Each structure stands twice: as structure tokens, then as C-alpha cells.
Amino acid sequence: MKSSVDAAYAERLRDKGGVWWKRALDVQLPYRLHMRRLDLGFTLDVGCGLGRNLANLGGGVGVDPNADAIRICRERGHVAFTPDELDASEYNQPGRFDAMLISHVLEHLAPADAAALIARYLPLVREGGRVVLITPQEAGYRSDPTHVEFVDHARLGDLARTVGLTTLATYSFPFPRPVGRWFKYNEFVLIARKP
């Protein structure tokens, strides 16, 4: 597996999510509830992967450069596109979405590419809409060999300012910040508003 756009990466995601103990213990419950509590409205999920967040948003469209992930996402009943397909779709309209979610994506990109990704899709979010950026903390960052840049709250804030967003909140989820050094599912969360 060389990058997050390889077919092997999509299969890795499917395999990781399908292990029996994750299904039996419903380890995704706190993350599902978190997505629902954000109440983002009609959301563009950038880097949607296999559609885990799309299932919890209550309405949205996914985009991901991994064509195999998009195929699996569609098999799961979600509306999802590769970037070129989204560009040619009915959803490619200024202000079409209430919000944009970029979860566990920015750490796969160099800083300039991360800002460019946010800027590319920002016109599709309505004025006053929210942008939610989520990245893994230390243990999660170390868990994936395709991660290239550690993106903490300071870096998320820099990215938000670079693309003209106003930060509304930052927090650690689901546990306090120190837990992220050893618990690989702890996340940095930034919520911003598009002017």
C-alpha cells in the first residue's frame, strides 16, 4: 500500500471496520452520536472513504479520489463521487451544501495541498455554512503509514485562516487531549464558519 488512493487502502479500511469485536462492541457509537450532534445539514464529506460518516450525517454527498472506496461507498447506499464525477454532477453548484466535513484526510497531505483541498470545495458551501476538520492525535497518526503531516489544533487553525474561515470551536474527542498520545481513536476537531 503506497497511498490512500490505492485499491489496497480501500480494502484495508473495509477489513479494519469489519472485525467482529468492533461490530459486537459498537465502537463507532460515540462517533455516530458526535456526527449527529453537530447537526450539519446537507453536507459535503470530502475524503468520504467508505462512507462511515455519510451514514451518520443525516444527509450528504461524499467525494474521494479513491475509486475503489467510492465503489464500496455506493454499494452501501451512499451518494458519492470521485472528484471528476462530482465536478460533472448536479451537486457542483456554489452554495449547494450547508456544511463541509473533512475527517481523517488532511494528515495524508502536505500543508499546501491540505489548504488547496479545503479551498477547492469551499465554494460549494453556502455563506455562513460550517466547515468541520477532524484529524487523528499522536497514536492515530502513527497507526497509518500513508500519513505524511501531523495536523494538530494549531495547524488546523492555520489552515482555517489560510482559506478565510472563522474558527468557532476546537476540542479533543472523545477523550481529553492527553489521551491521544496512546489512544489511537482520539481526534482533534475544529469547527469553523464560512463568511
N, C-alpha and C. Protein backbone atom coordinates (compact mmCIF):
# COMPACT_ATOMS: atom_id res chain seq x y z
N MET A 1 0.86 -1.18 0.00
CA MET A 1 0.00 0.00 0.00
C MET A 1 0.90 1.23 0.00
N LYS A 2 0.78 2.03 -1.06
CA LYS A 2 1.64 3.20 -1.18
C LYS A 2 0.94 4.49 -0.81
N SER A 3 -0.36 4.56 -1.01
CA SER A 3 -1.07 5.80 -0.69
C SER A 3 -2.53 5.50 -0.39
N SER A 4 -3.23 6.54 0.05
CA SER A 4 -4.64 6.38 0.41
C SER A 4 -5.55 6.31 -0.81
N VAL A 5 -5.00 6.40 -2.02
CA VAL A 5 -5.83 6.26 -3.21
C VAL A 5 -5.66 4.90 -3.88
N ASP A 6 -4.83 4.03 -3.31
CA ASP A 6 -4.66 2.67 -3.83
C ASP A 6 -5.88 1.82 -3.49
N ALA A 7 -6.13 0.81 -4.33
CA ALA A 7 -7.21 -0.15 -4.05
C ALA A 7 -6.96 -0.84 -2.72
N ALA A 8 -5.70 -1.11 -2.40
CA ALA A 8 -5.36 -1.79 -1.15
C ALA A 8 -5.79 -0.98 0.07
N TYR A 9 -5.78 0.35 -0.05
CA TYR A 9 -6.18 1.19 1.07
C TYR A 9 -7.68 1.04 1.35
N ALA A 10 -8.48 1.01 0.30
CA ALA A 10 -9.93 0.82 0.48
C ALA A 10 -10.21 -0.54 1.12
N GLU A 11 -9.50 -1.57 0.69
CA GLU A 11 -9.67 -2.90 1.29
C GLU A 11 -9.23 -2.91 2.75
N ARG A 12 -8.15 -2.18 3.05
CA ARG A 12 -7.68 -2.09 4.44
C ARG A 12 -8.75 -1.46 5.32
N LEU A 13 -9.38 -0.39 4.82
CA LEU A 13 -10.45 0.26 5.59
C LEU A 13 -11.62 -0.70 5.82
N ARG A 14 -11.99 -1.44 4.77
CA ARG A 14 -13.10 -2.38 4.91
C ARG A 14 -12.75 -3.47 5.92
N ASP A 15 -11.54 -4.00 5.84
CA ASP A 15 -11.12 -5.06 6.76
C ASP A 15 -11.08 -4.57 8.20
N LYS A 16 -10.53 -3.35 8.42
CA LYS A 16 -10.44 -2.81 9.77
C LYS A 16 -11.83 -2.60 10.39
N GLY A 17 -12.77 -2.15 9.59
CA GLY A 17 -14.11 -1.87 10.12
C GLY A 17 -14.97 -3.11 10.30
N GLY A 18 -14.56 -4.22 9.68
CA GLY A 18 -15.39 -5.42 9.71
C GLY A 18 -15.01 -6.45 10.75
N VAL A 19 -14.01 -6.18 11.59
CA VAL A 19 -13.63 -7.17 12.58
C VAL A 19 -14.76 -7.37 13.59
N TRP A 20 -14.90 -8.59 14.06
CA TRP A 20 -16.06 -8.96 14.88
C TRP A 20 -16.20 -8.13 16.14
N TRP A 21 -15.08 -7.84 16.82
CA TRP A 21 -15.19 -7.15 18.10
C TRP A 21 -15.64 -5.71 17.93
N LYS A 22 -15.31 -5.10 16.79
CA LYS A 22 -15.78 -3.72 16.56
C LYS A 22 -17.30 -3.70 16.34
N ARG A 23 -17.79 -4.72 15.66
CA ARG A 23 -19.24 -4.81 15.46
C ARG A 23 -19.95 -5.16 16.76
N ALA A 24 -19.41 -6.11 17.51
CA ALA A 24 -20.06 -6.57 18.75
C ALA A 24 -20.11 -5.47 19.82
N LEU A 25 -19.03 -4.68 19.91
CA LEU A 25 -18.97 -3.64 20.94
C LEU A 25 -19.52 -2.29 20.48
N ASP A 26 -19.86 -2.20 19.20
CA ASP A 26 -20.37 -0.95 18.61
C ASP A 26 -19.45 0.22 18.96
N VAL A 27 -18.18 0.07 18.64
CA VAL A 27 -17.19 1.09 18.99
C VAL A 27 -17.42 2.41 18.26
N GLN A 28 -18.21 2.40 17.21
CA GLN A 28 -18.49 3.63 16.48
C GLN A 28 -19.59 4.49 17.11
N LEU A 29 -20.27 3.97 18.13
CA LEU A 29 -21.39 4.71 18.74
C LEU A 29 -21.02 6.14 19.14
N PRO A 30 -19.94 6.39 19.88
CA PRO A 30 -19.64 7.79 20.25
C PRO A 30 -19.42 8.68 19.03
N TYR A 31 -18.82 8.14 17.98
CA TYR A 31 -18.54 8.92 16.78
C TYR A 31 -19.82 9.18 15.98
N ARG A 32 -20.72 8.19 15.95
CA ARG A 32 -22.03 8.39 15.31
C ARG A 32 -22.80 9.50 16.01
N LEU A 33 -22.84 9.42 17.34
CA LEU A 33 -23.57 10.43 18.12
C LEU A 33 -22.94 11.81 17.95
N HIS A 34 -21.62 11.86 17.89
CA HIS A 34 -20.92 13.13 17.68
C HIS A 34 -21.33 13.76 16.35
N MET A 35 -21.34 12.96 15.29
CA MET A 35 -21.75 13.49 13.97
C MET A 35 -23.18 14.01 14.02
N ARG A 36 -24.04 13.26 14.64
CA ARG A 36 -25.45 13.68 14.72
C ARG A 36 -25.61 14.96 15.54
N ARG A 37 -24.86 15.08 16.64
CA ARG A 37 -24.95 16.27 17.48
C ARG A 37 -24.47 17.52 16.74
N LEU A 38 -23.54 17.35 15.81
CA LEU A 38 -23.07 18.51 15.05
C LEU A 38 -24.18 19.11 14.20
N ASP A 39 -25.16 18.30 13.80
CA ASP A 39 -26.35 18.77 13.07
C ASP A 39 -25.94 19.69 11.92
N LEU A 40 -25.17 19.15 10.99
CA LEU A 40 -24.57 19.96 9.92
C LEU A 40 -25.49 20.25 8.75
N GLY A 41 -26.61 19.56 8.66
CA GLY A 41 -27.46 19.75 7.49
C GLY A 41 -26.91 18.97 6.30
N PHE A 42 -27.21 19.45 5.10
CA PHE A 42 -26.76 18.77 3.89
C PHE A 42 -25.27 19.02 3.72
N THR A 43 -24.47 17.95 3.84
CA THR A 43 -23.02 18.07 4.00
C THR A 43 -22.25 17.43 2.86
N LEU A 44 -21.18 18.10 2.45
CA LEU A 44 -20.21 17.52 1.53
C LEU A 44 -19.12 16.88 2.38
N ASP A 45 -18.99 15.56 2.28
CA ASP A 45 -17.98 14.82 3.04
C ASP A 45 -16.78 14.61 2.12
N VAL A 46 -15.75 15.44 2.30
CA VAL A 46 -14.55 15.41 1.45
C VAL A 46 -13.60 14.36 2.01
N GLY A 47 -13.26 13.38 1.17
CA GLY A 47 -12.45 12.26 1.63
C GLY A 47 -13.33 11.27 2.37
N CYS A 48 -14.48 10.98 1.81
CA CYS A 48 -15.51 10.18 2.49
C CYS A 48 -15.12 8.73 2.71
N GLY A 49 -14.10 8.25 2.02
CA GLY A 49 -13.71 6.86 2.21
C GLY A 49 -14.84 5.91 1.88
N LEU A 50 -15.13 5.01 2.79
CA LEU A 50 -16.17 4.00 2.57
C LEU A 50 -17.56 4.49 2.99
N GLY A 51 -17.66 5.73 3.48
CA GLY A 51 -18.96 6.31 3.79
C GLY A 51 -19.39 6.23 5.23
N ARG A 52 -18.46 5.94 6.15
CA ARG A 52 -18.84 5.83 7.56
C ARG A 52 -19.52 7.10 8.07
N ASN A 53 -18.96 8.25 7.76
CA ASN A 53 -19.58 9.49 8.23
C ASN A 53 -20.85 9.82 7.47
N LEU A 54 -20.91 9.49 6.19
CA LEU A 54 -22.13 9.73 5.43
C LEU A 54 -23.32 9.03 6.06
N ALA A 55 -23.08 7.86 6.61
CA ALA A 55 -24.16 7.11 7.26
C ALA A 55 -24.69 7.82 8.50
N ASN A 56 -23.89 8.71 9.07
CA ASN A 56 -24.26 9.35 10.34
C ASN A 56 -24.64 10.82 10.21
N LEU A 57 -24.47 11.39 9.04
CA LEU A 57 -24.70 12.82 8.87
C LEU A 57 -26.17 13.19 8.74
N GLY A 58 -26.98 12.29 8.26
CA GLY A 58 -28.39 12.61 8.07
C GLY A 58 -28.67 13.28 6.74
N GLY A 59 -27.71 13.35 5.88
CA GLY A 59 -27.90 13.92 4.55
C GLY A 59 -26.60 14.46 4.02
N GLY A 60 -26.15 13.91 2.91
CA GLY A 60 -24.91 14.41 2.36
C GLY A 60 -24.44 13.67 1.14
N VAL A 61 -23.35 14.16 0.61
CA VAL A 61 -22.72 13.62 -0.58
C VAL A 61 -21.24 13.46 -0.26
N GLY A 62 -20.65 12.37 -0.71
CA GLY A 62 -19.24 12.14 -0.48
C GLY A 62 -18.42 12.32 -1.73
N VAL A 63 -17.15 12.69 -1.53
CA VAL A 63 -16.19 12.77 -2.64
C VAL A 63 -14.87 12.21 -2.12
N ASP A 64 -14.21 11.40 -2.96
CA ASP A 64 -12.95 10.78 -2.57
C ASP A 64 -12.19 10.41 -3.84
N PRO A 65 -10.85 10.62 -3.85
CA PRO A 65 -10.09 10.26 -5.04
C PRO A 65 -9.87 8.76 -5.20
N ASN A 66 -10.20 7.97 -4.18
CA ASN A 66 -10.03 6.53 -4.25
C ASN A 66 -11.27 5.91 -4.89
N ALA A 67 -11.16 5.53 -6.15
CA ALA A 67 -12.31 5.00 -6.90
C ALA A 67 -12.85 3.71 -6.27
N ASP A 68 -11.97 2.90 -5.69
CA ASP A 68 -12.44 1.67 -5.03
C ASP A 68 -13.25 1.99 -3.78
N ALA A 69 -12.83 3.00 -3.04
CA ALA A 69 -13.59 3.43 -1.86
C ALA A 69 -14.96 3.96 -2.29
N ILE A 70 -15.00 4.72 -3.37
CA ILE A 70 -16.27 5.25 -3.87
C ILE A 70 -17.20 4.12 -4.28
N ARG A 71 -16.67 3.09 -4.92
CA ARG A 71 -17.48 1.93 -5.32
C ARG A 71 -18.10 1.29 -4.08
N ILE A 72 -17.31 1.07 -3.03
CA ILE A 72 -17.82 0.46 -1.80
C ILE A 72 -18.84 1.39 -1.14
N CYS A 73 -18.56 2.66 -1.14
CA CYS A 73 -19.47 3.65 -0.56
C CYS A 73 -20.84 3.59 -1.25
N ARG A 74 -20.83 3.52 -2.57
CA ARG A 74 -22.09 3.41 -3.32
C ARG A 74 -22.80 2.10 -3.04
N GLU A 75 -22.03 1.01 -2.92
CA GLU A 75 -22.63 -0.29 -2.59
C GLU A 75 -23.36 -0.22 -1.25
N ARG A 76 -22.89 0.65 -0.38
CA ARG A 76 -23.52 0.82 0.93
C ARG A 76 -24.70 1.80 0.89
N GLY A 77 -25.04 2.27 -0.29
CA GLY A 77 -26.23 3.10 -0.46
C GLY A 77 -26.01 4.59 -0.38
N HIS A 78 -24.77 5.06 -0.40
CA HIS A 78 -24.49 6.48 -0.29
C HIS A 78 -24.30 7.13 -1.65
N VAL A 79 -24.53 8.41 -1.71
CA VAL A 79 -24.25 9.20 -2.91
C VAL A 79 -22.80 9.67 -2.78
N ALA A 80 -21.96 9.21 -3.70
CA ALA A 80 -20.54 9.53 -3.60
C ALA A 80 -19.91 9.54 -4.98
N PHE A 81 -18.88 10.38 -5.12
CA PHE A 81 -18.25 10.60 -6.41
C PHE A 81 -16.74 10.69 -6.27
N THR A 82 -16.05 10.41 -7.36
CA THR A 82 -14.65 10.80 -7.46
C THR A 82 -14.66 12.31 -7.72
N PRO A 83 -13.53 12.99 -7.58
CA PRO A 83 -13.53 14.44 -7.83
C PRO A 83 -14.04 14.84 -9.22
N ASP A 84 -13.61 14.14 -10.25
CA ASP A 84 -14.08 14.47 -11.61
C ASP A 84 -15.58 14.24 -11.75
N GLU A 85 -16.08 13.17 -11.15
CA GLU A 85 -17.52 12.89 -11.21
C GLU A 85 -18.31 13.97 -10.48
N LEU A 86 -17.82 14.42 -9.33
CA LEU A 86 -18.50 15.49 -8.59
C LEU A 86 -18.52 16.76 -9.42
N ASP A 87 -17.38 17.07 -10.05
CA ASP A 87 -17.32 18.27 -10.89
C ASP A 87 -18.39 18.26 -11.98
N ALA A 88 -18.72 17.08 -12.50
CA ALA A 88 -19.70 16.96 -13.59
C ALA A 88 -21.12 16.72 -13.09
N SER A 89 -21.31 16.69 -11.77
CA SER A 89 -22.62 16.34 -11.21
C SER A 89 -23.49 17.57 -10.94
N GLU A 90 -24.74 17.30 -10.61
CA GLU A 90 -25.70 18.34 -10.24
C GLU A 90 -25.33 19.01 -8.92
N TYR A 91 -24.45 18.39 -8.12
CA TYR A 91 -24.07 18.93 -6.82
C TYR A 91 -22.97 19.99 -6.91
N ASN A 92 -22.37 20.12 -8.07
CA ASN A 92 -21.29 21.09 -8.25
C ASN A 92 -21.88 22.47 -8.54
N GLN A 93 -22.44 23.06 -7.49
CA GLN A 93 -23.07 24.38 -7.59
C GLN A 93 -22.65 25.22 -6.39
N PRO A 94 -22.32 26.48 -6.58
CA PRO A 94 -21.95 27.34 -5.45
C PRO A 94 -23.05 27.35 -4.38
N GLY A 95 -22.65 27.17 -3.14
CA GLY A 95 -23.59 27.23 -2.02
C GLY A 95 -24.53 26.05 -1.92
N ARG A 96 -24.26 24.96 -2.60
CA ARG A 96 -25.16 23.80 -2.63
C ARG A 96 -25.27 23.10 -1.28
N PHE A 97 -24.21 23.18 -0.46
CA PHE A 97 -24.16 22.44 0.80
C PHE A 97 -24.23 23.37 2.00
N ASP A 98 -24.84 22.86 3.08
CA ASP A 98 -24.89 23.60 4.34
C ASP A 98 -23.55 23.55 5.07
N ALA A 99 -22.80 22.48 4.82
CA ALA A 99 -21.55 22.27 5.55
C ALA A 99 -20.60 21.40 4.74
N MET A 100 -19.35 21.41 5.19
CA MET A 100 -18.34 20.53 4.63
C MET A 100 -17.63 19.84 5.78
N LEU A 101 -17.42 18.54 5.64
CA LEU A 101 -16.70 17.74 6.62
C LEU A 101 -15.44 17.20 5.94
N ILE A 102 -14.30 17.38 6.59
CA ILE A 102 -13.06 16.77 6.13
C ILE A 102 -12.48 16.04 7.34
N SER A 103 -12.71 14.74 7.39
CA SER A 103 -12.35 13.93 8.54
C SER A 103 -11.31 12.88 8.18
N HIS A 104 -10.19 12.93 8.88
CA HIS A 104 -9.09 11.98 8.68
C HIS A 104 -8.60 11.98 7.23
N VAL A 105 -8.36 13.18 6.73
CA VAL A 105 -7.88 13.38 5.37
C VAL A 105 -6.63 14.26 5.34
N LEU A 106 -6.66 15.36 6.05
CA LEU A 106 -5.61 16.38 5.95
C LEU A 106 -4.23 15.85 6.34
N GLU A 107 -4.19 14.85 7.20
CA GLU A 107 -2.91 14.27 7.62
C GLU A 107 -2.26 13.46 6.50
N HIS A 108 -3.00 13.20 5.44
CA HIS A 108 -2.46 12.48 4.27
C HIS A 108 -1.82 13.43 3.27
N LEU A 109 -1.84 14.74 3.55
CA LEU A 109 -1.41 15.74 2.57
C LEU A 109 -0.33 16.65 3.12
N ALA A 110 0.50 17.15 2.22
CA ALA A 110 1.43 18.21 2.58
C ALA A 110 0.61 19.47 2.90
N PRO A 111 1.15 20.39 3.72
CA PRO A 111 0.37 21.56 4.15
C PRO A 111 -0.26 22.36 2.99
N ALA A 112 0.50 22.63 1.94
CA ALA A 112 -0.05 23.40 0.83
C ALA A 112 -1.19 22.64 0.14
N ASP A 113 -1.06 21.33 0.05
CA ASP A 113 -2.10 20.52 -0.57
C ASP A 113 -3.36 20.46 0.30
N ALA A 114 -3.16 20.47 1.62
CA ALA A 114 -4.31 20.46 2.53
C ALA A 114 -5.12 21.75 2.37
N ALA A 115 -4.44 22.88 2.32
CA ALA A 115 -5.14 24.16 2.12
C ALA A 115 -5.84 24.18 0.76
N ALA A 116 -5.17 23.66 -0.26
CA ALA A 116 -5.76 23.64 -1.60
C ALA A 116 -7.00 22.76 -1.64
N LEU A 117 -6.99 21.65 -0.92
CA LEU A 117 -8.17 20.77 -0.89
C LEU A 117 -9.36 21.48 -0.27
N ILE A 118 -9.14 22.14 0.86
CA ILE A 118 -10.24 22.87 1.50
C ILE A 118 -10.75 23.96 0.56
N ALA A 119 -9.83 24.72 -0.02
CA ALA A 119 -10.21 25.82 -0.92
C ALA A 119 -10.95 25.32 -2.16
N ARG A 120 -10.59 24.14 -2.65
CA ARG A 120 -11.24 23.61 -3.85
C ARG A 120 -12.74 23.43 -3.64
N TYR A 121 -13.13 22.91 -2.48
CA TYR A 121 -14.54 22.59 -2.26
C TYR A 121 -15.30 23.65 -1.47
N LEU A 122 -14.62 24.63 -0.93
CA LEU A 122 -15.27 25.66 -0.12
C LEU A 122 -16.36 26.44 -0.88
N PRO A 123 -16.20 26.72 -2.17
CA PRO A 123 -17.27 27.43 -2.87
C PRO A 123 -18.61 26.68 -2.89
N LEU A 124 -18.57 25.38 -2.68
CA LEU A 124 -19.81 24.60 -2.69
C LEU A 124 -20.61 24.74 -1.39
N VAL A 125 -19.98 25.35 -0.37
CA VAL A 125 -20.64 25.57 0.93
C VAL A 125 -21.29 26.94 0.93
N ARG A 126 -22.51 27.01 1.41
CA ARG A 126 -23.25 28.28 1.44
C ARG A 126 -22.57 29.27 2.37
N GLU A 127 -22.84 30.55 2.17
CA GLU A 127 -22.35 31.59 3.08
C GLU A 127 -22.90 31.31 4.47
N GLY A 128 -22.06 31.42 5.48
CA GLY A 128 -22.47 31.13 6.85
C GLY A 128 -22.47 29.66 7.19
N GLY A 129 -22.16 28.80 6.21
CA GLY A 129 -22.12 27.36 6.45
C GLY A 129 -20.91 26.98 7.29
N ARG A 130 -20.97 25.81 7.87
CA ARG A 130 -19.89 25.35 8.72
C ARG A 130 -18.94 24.40 7.99
N VAL A 131 -17.70 24.42 8.44
CA VAL A 131 -16.67 23.51 7.96
C VAL A 131 -16.10 22.82 9.18
N VAL A 132 -16.11 21.48 9.16
CA VAL A 132 -15.60 20.69 10.28
C VAL A 132 -14.36 19.93 9.80
N LEU A 133 -13.25 20.14 10.50
CA LEU A 133 -11.99 19.49 10.18
C LEU A 133 -11.63 18.57 11.34
N ILE A 134 -11.35 17.31 11.05
CA ILE A 134 -11.03 16.32 12.08
C ILE A 134 -9.76 15.58 11.66
N THR A 135 -8.81 15.48 12.59
CA THR A 135 -7.58 14.75 12.33
C THR A 135 -7.22 13.89 13.54
N PRO A 136 -6.42 12.85 13.34
CA PRO A 136 -6.04 12.00 14.46
C PRO A 136 -4.97 12.63 15.34
N GLN A 137 -5.00 12.27 16.61
CA GLN A 137 -3.94 12.69 17.51
C GLN A 137 -2.75 11.72 17.38
N GLU A 138 -1.75 11.81 18.23
CA GLU A 138 -0.48 11.12 18.03
C GLU A 138 -0.60 9.62 17.75
N ALA A 139 -1.31 8.88 18.58
CA ALA A 139 -1.39 7.43 18.40
C ALA A 139 -2.07 7.09 17.08
N GLY A 140 -3.11 7.82 16.73
CA GLY A 140 -3.78 7.58 15.45
C GLY A 140 -2.91 7.96 14.28
N TYR A 141 -2.17 9.03 14.43
CA TYR A 141 -1.27 9.45 13.36
C TYR A 141 -0.22 8.36 13.07
N ARG A 142 0.33 7.77 14.12
CA ARG A 142 1.35 6.73 13.96
C ARG A 142 0.79 5.44 13.39
N SER A 143 -0.51 5.25 13.41
CA SER A 143 -1.12 3.97 13.04
C SER A 143 -1.27 3.75 11.54
N ASP A 144 -1.01 4.76 10.73
CA ASP A 144 -1.25 4.64 9.29
C ASP A 144 -0.01 5.09 8.53
N PRO A 145 0.61 4.20 7.77
CA PRO A 145 1.83 4.57 7.05
C PRO A 145 1.62 5.57 5.92
N THR A 146 0.38 5.85 5.55
CA THR A 146 0.14 6.84 4.50
C THR A 146 0.00 8.26 5.04
N HIS A 147 0.07 8.43 6.37
CA HIS A 147 0.05 9.78 6.95
C HIS A 147 1.37 10.48 6.67
N VAL A 148 1.29 11.75 6.28
CA VAL A 148 2.51 12.49 5.93
C VAL A 148 2.72 13.75 6.77
N GLU A 149 1.68 14.25 7.43
CA GLU A 149 1.79 15.51 8.17
C GLU A 149 0.93 15.43 9.43
N PHE A 150 1.53 15.66 10.60
CA PHE A 150 0.77 15.69 11.84
C PHE A 150 0.04 17.02 11.91
N VAL A 151 -1.28 16.97 12.03
CA VAL A 151 -2.12 18.17 11.98
C VAL A 151 -2.87 18.31 13.30
N ASP A 152 -2.34 19.16 14.18
CA ASP A 152 -2.95 19.38 15.48
C ASP A 152 -3.87 20.60 15.44
N HIS A 153 -4.38 21.03 16.61
CA HIS A 153 -5.29 22.18 16.64
C HIS A 153 -4.65 23.44 16.06
N ALA A 154 -3.37 23.67 16.36
CA ALA A 154 -2.70 24.87 15.83
C ALA A 154 -2.65 24.83 14.31
N ARG A 155 -2.31 23.68 13.77
CA ARG A 155 -2.22 23.54 12.31
C ARG A 155 -3.61 23.65 11.67
N LEU A 156 -4.62 23.07 12.30
CA LEU A 156 -5.99 23.21 11.79
C LEU A 156 -6.41 24.67 11.78
N GLY A 157 -6.07 25.39 12.85
CA GLY A 157 -6.38 26.82 12.90
C GLY A 157 -5.69 27.59 11.79
N ASP A 158 -4.42 27.26 11.53
CA ASP A 158 -3.68 27.89 10.42
C ASP A 158 -4.36 27.64 9.09
N LEU A 159 -4.78 26.39 8.87
CA LEU A 159 -5.45 26.04 7.61
C LEU A 159 -6.76 26.81 7.46
N ALA A 160 -7.52 26.89 8.55
CA ALA A 160 -8.79 27.62 8.50
C ALA A 160 -8.56 29.09 8.14
N ARG A 161 -7.59 29.72 8.78
CA ARG A 161 -7.29 31.12 8.47
C ARG A 161 -6.81 31.29 7.02
N THR A 162 -5.99 30.37 6.56
CA THR A 162 -5.45 30.45 5.21
C THR A 162 -6.55 30.49 4.16
N VAL A 163 -7.62 29.73 4.38
CA VAL A 163 -8.71 29.70 3.39
C VAL A 163 -9.85 30.65 3.73
N GLY A 164 -9.66 31.50 4.76
CA GLY A 164 -10.64 32.54 5.06
C GLY A 164 -11.79 32.13 5.96
N LEU A 165 -11.62 31.05 6.71
CA LEU A 165 -12.67 30.61 7.63
C LEU A 165 -12.49 31.24 9.01
N THR A 166 -13.59 31.35 9.75
CA THR A 166 -13.56 31.83 11.12
C THR A 166 -13.75 30.63 12.05
N THR A 167 -12.78 30.38 12.91
CA THR A 167 -12.88 29.25 13.83
C THR A 167 -13.91 29.55 14.91
N LEU A 168 -14.82 28.60 15.12
CA LEU A 168 -15.85 28.73 16.15
C LEU A 168 -15.49 27.94 17.40
N ALA A 169 -14.86 26.77 17.22
CA ALA A 169 -14.53 25.90 18.36
C ALA A 169 -13.44 24.92 17.97
N THR A 170 -12.65 24.53 18.97
CA THR A 170 -11.71 23.42 18.82
C THR A 170 -11.83 22.57 20.08
N TYR A 171 -11.72 21.26 19.92
CA TYR A 171 -11.77 20.38 21.07
C TYR A 171 -11.20 19.01 20.72
N SER A 172 -10.94 18.24 21.76
CA SER A 172 -10.46 16.88 21.63
C SER A 172 -11.65 15.94 21.81
N PHE A 173 -11.72 14.90 20.97
CA PHE A 173 -12.85 13.97 21.03
C PHE A 173 -12.35 12.55 20.82
N PRO A 174 -12.87 11.56 21.50
CA PRO A 174 -13.90 11.61 22.53
C PRO A 174 -13.35 11.85 23.94
N PHE A 175 -12.03 11.79 24.09
CA PHE A 175 -11.43 11.96 25.40
C PHE A 175 -10.57 13.22 25.45
N PRO A 176 -10.19 13.65 26.67
CA PRO A 176 -9.32 14.83 26.79
C PRO A 176 -8.01 14.64 26.02
N ARG A 177 -7.43 15.74 25.67
CA ARG A 177 -6.25 15.79 24.80
C ARG A 177 -5.11 14.83 25.18
N PRO A 178 -4.70 14.70 26.44
CA PRO A 178 -3.57 13.83 26.74
C PRO A 178 -3.78 12.36 26.33
N VAL A 179 -5.02 11.92 26.27
CA VAL A 179 -5.32 10.53 25.94
C VAL A 179 -4.89 10.20 24.50
N GLY A 180 -4.84 11.19 23.65
CA GLY A 180 -4.46 10.98 22.25
C GLY A 180 -3.05 10.49 22.04
N ARG A 181 -2.23 10.59 23.05
CA ARG A 181 -0.85 10.11 22.91
C ARG A 181 -0.80 8.58 22.86
N TRP A 182 -1.81 7.91 23.44
CA TRP A 182 -1.80 6.45 23.43
C TRP A 182 -3.07 5.82 22.87
N PHE A 183 -4.20 6.56 22.83
CA PHE A 183 -5.47 6.02 22.30
C PHE A 183 -5.60 6.47 20.84
N LYS A 184 -5.52 5.53 19.91
CA LYS A 184 -5.41 5.92 18.50
C LYS A 184 -6.69 6.48 17.89
N TYR A 185 -7.79 6.43 18.60
CA TYR A 185 -9.04 6.95 18.05
C TYR A 185 -9.41 8.32 18.60
N ASN A 186 -8.52 8.96 19.34
CA ASN A 186 -8.77 10.33 19.81
C ASN A 186 -8.50 11.30 18.67
N GLU A 187 -9.31 12.35 18.59
CA GLU A 187 -9.27 13.24 17.44
C GLU A 187 -9.17 14.71 17.84
N PHE A 188 -8.51 15.48 16.98
CA PHE A 188 -8.57 16.93 17.01
C PHE A 188 -9.80 17.32 16.19
N VAL A 189 -10.62 18.23 16.70
CA VAL A 189 -11.80 18.70 15.97
C VAL A 189 -11.76 20.23 15.93
N LEU A 190 -11.95 20.78 14.75
CA LEU A 190 -12.10 22.23 14.58
C LEU A 190 -13.40 22.48 13.83
N ILE A 191 -14.21 23.39 14.36
CA ILE A 191 -15.44 23.80 13.68
C ILE A 191 -15.27 25.26 13.30
N ALA A 192 -15.51 25.54 12.03
CA ALA A 192 -15.35 26.91 11.51
C ALA A 192 -16.58 27.30 10.72
N ARG A 193 -16.65 28.62 10.45
CA ARG A 193 -17.76 29.15 9.65
C ARG A 193 -17.22 29.83 8.42
N LYS A 194 -17.91 29.63 7.31
CA LYS A 194 -17.59 30.34 6.08
C LYS A 194 -18.25 31.70 6.14
N PRO A 195 -17.49 32.78 5.91
CA PRO A 195 -18.10 34.13 5.98
C PRO A 195 -19.23 34.30 4.95
